[in-house]
Amino acid sequence: DVALARTTVLPDEESGRKLWRESAEAARTGEITAAEAGHVQELITARVADLRSDLAAELDPGDPWAVKVEGLDSEPEAGDALGELEGLREAGAVDPARAARVRAAILLRFPKAVAA
């Protein structure tokens, strides 16, 4: 019940990943059933999609990255874009807040993309 309540107030994706791991571990140890863990994880997935949608909505349509995101055609391309974005963020060429908005926009379109 506590995990279910926490899914509605997840402040960010990292909190979602943590709760996902906790629910999987709770199912593995028998504290909850696999079905209960699955339900919690479905709620986490929905909340993360909402978080991404909110962040992506903040991306300025005139931002060159917005154009790039719209031009992505596949998960591999999205993964390449995520890798490029992360490199630019680490180098200080893209500020963290903007990078978070771009990352959210990419993952909103391609949820299974992984940074290459």
Protein backbone atom coordinates (compact mmCIF):
# COMPACT_ATOMS: atom_id res chain seq x y z
CA ASP A 1 0.00 0.00 0.00
CA VAL A 2 2.87 2.36 0.79
CA ALA A 3 4.47 1.65 -2.58
CA LEU A 4 1.18 2.33 -4.36
CA ALA A 5 0.86 5.68 -2.61
CA ARG A 6 4.47 6.59 -3.45
CA THR A 7 3.86 6.06 -7.18
CA THR A 8 1.53 9.06 -7.34
CA VAL A 9 4.04 11.47 -5.82
CA LEU A 10 7.24 10.42 -7.54
CA PRO A 11 9.12 13.69 -8.05
CA ASP A 12 11.47 12.42 -10.76
CA GLU A 13 12.53 9.42 -12.83
CA GLU A 14 15.32 8.42 -10.47
CA SER A 15 12.77 8.02 -7.67
CA GLY A 16 10.75 5.84 -10.03
CA ARG A 17 13.75 3.64 -10.80
CA LYS A 18 14.42 3.26 -7.07
CA LEU A 19 10.83 2.30 -6.30
CA TRP A 20 10.83 -0.11 -9.28
CA ARG A 21 13.89 -1.90 -7.83
CA GLU A 22 12.32 -1.94 -4.37
CA SER A 23 9.11 -3.50 -5.68
CA ALA A 24 11.05 -6.13 -7.63
CA GLU A 25 13.08 -6.98 -4.53
CA ALA A 26 9.92 -7.14 -2.39
CA ALA A 27 8.41 -9.61 -4.87
CA ARG A 28 11.62 -11.64 -4.93
CA THR A 29 11.66 -11.92 -1.12
CA GLY A 30 7.95 -12.69 -0.89
CA GLU A 31 6.91 -9.47 0.84
CA ILE A 32 4.47 -8.87 -2.03
CA THR A 33 3.26 -11.01 -4.90
CA ALA A 34 4.61 -10.72 -8.42
CA ALA A 35 1.21 -9.40 -9.48
CA GLU A 36 1.37 -6.67 -6.84
CA ALA A 37 4.87 -5.73 -7.96
CA GLY A 38 3.65 -5.66 -11.55
CA HIS A 39 0.82 -3.33 -10.60
CA VAL A 40 3.20 -0.98 -8.78
CA GLN A 41 5.55 -1.03 -11.78
CA GLU A 42 2.69 -0.21 -14.17
CA LEU A 43 1.86 2.81 -12.02
CA ILE A 44 5.51 3.84 -11.97
CA THR A 45 5.64 3.59 -15.76
CA ALA A 46 2.57 5.79 -16.06
CA ARG A 47 3.95 8.37 -13.61
CA VAL A 48 7.32 8.50 -15.41
CA ALA A 49 5.48 9.06 -18.71
CA ASP A 50 3.63 11.97 -17.06
CA LEU A 51 6.90 13.42 -15.76
CA ARG A 52 8.48 13.13 -19.20
CA SER A 53 5.46 14.73 -20.83
CA ASP A 54 5.56 17.66 -18.42
CA LEU A 55 9.28 18.20 -18.98
CA ALA A 56 9.04 17.78 -22.75
CA ALA A 57 6.27 20.40 -22.85
CA GLU A 58 8.77 22.89 -21.45
CA LEU A 59 11.11 22.41 -24.43
CA ASP A 60 11.04 25.56 -26.56
CA PRO A 61 9.77 24.64 -30.05
CA GLY A 62 12.45 26.96 -31.45
CA ASP A 63 15.23 25.05 -29.69
CA PRO A 64 17.43 23.25 -32.24
CA TRP A 65 17.11 20.13 -30.12
CA ALA A 66 13.31 20.23 -30.49
CA VAL A 67 13.76 20.04 -34.24
CA LYS A 68 16.25 17.21 -33.83
CA VAL A 69 13.87 15.28 -31.57
CA GLU A 70 11.05 15.60 -34.09
CA GLY A 71 13.34 14.29 -36.82
CA LEU A 72 14.24 11.08 -34.99
CA ASP A 73 12.91 8.00 -36.77
CA SER A 74 13.99 5.06 -34.60
CA GLU A 75 15.14 3.94 -31.18
CA PRO A 76 18.76 3.59 -32.37
CA GLU A 77 18.68 7.19 -33.62
CA ALA A 78 17.12 8.25 -30.34
CA GLY A 79 19.88 6.40 -28.46
CA ASP A 80 22.51 8.23 -30.50
CA ALA A 81 20.82 11.54 -29.71
CA LEU A 82 20.72 10.68 -25.99
CA GLY A 83 24.43 9.84 -26.08
CA GLU A 84 25.26 13.09 -27.86
CA LEU A 85 23.12 15.07 -25.43
CA GLU A 86 24.77 13.44 -22.41
CA GLY A 87 28.22 14.20 -23.79
CA LEU A 88 27.30 17.84 -24.36
CA ARG A 89 25.77 18.09 -20.89
CA GLU A 90 28.89 16.61 -19.29
CA ALA A 91 31.08 19.03 -21.28
CA GLY A 92 28.98 21.95 -20.08
CA ALA A 93 27.73 22.81 -23.59
CA VAL A 94 24.10 22.12 -22.60
CA ASP A 95 22.83 23.14 -19.19
CA PRO A 96 21.32 20.36 -17.05
CA ALA A 97 17.76 21.76 -17.06
CA ARG A 98 17.68 22.01 -20.85
CA ALA A 99 19.25 18.56 -21.15
CA ALA A 100 16.51 17.14 -18.89
CA ARG A 101 13.81 18.66 -21.12
CA VAL A 102 15.42 17.31 -24.30
CA ARG A 103 15.98 13.88 -22.73
CA ALA A 104 12.33 13.77 -21.67
CA ALA A 105 11.19 14.72 -25.19
CA ILE A 106 13.33 11.96 -26.71
CA LEU A 107 12.16 9.33 -24.24
CA LEU A 108 8.55 10.39 -24.63
CA ARG A 109 8.79 9.44 -28.31
CA PHE A 110 11.11 6.45 -27.84
CA PRO A 111 10.66 5.13 -24.26
CA LYS A 112 13.07 2.22 -24.71
CA ALA A 113 15.92 4.27 -26.20
CA VAL A 114 19.26 3.88 -24.48
CA ALA A 115 22.14 6.31 -24.79
CA ALA A 116 24.69 5.00 -27.26
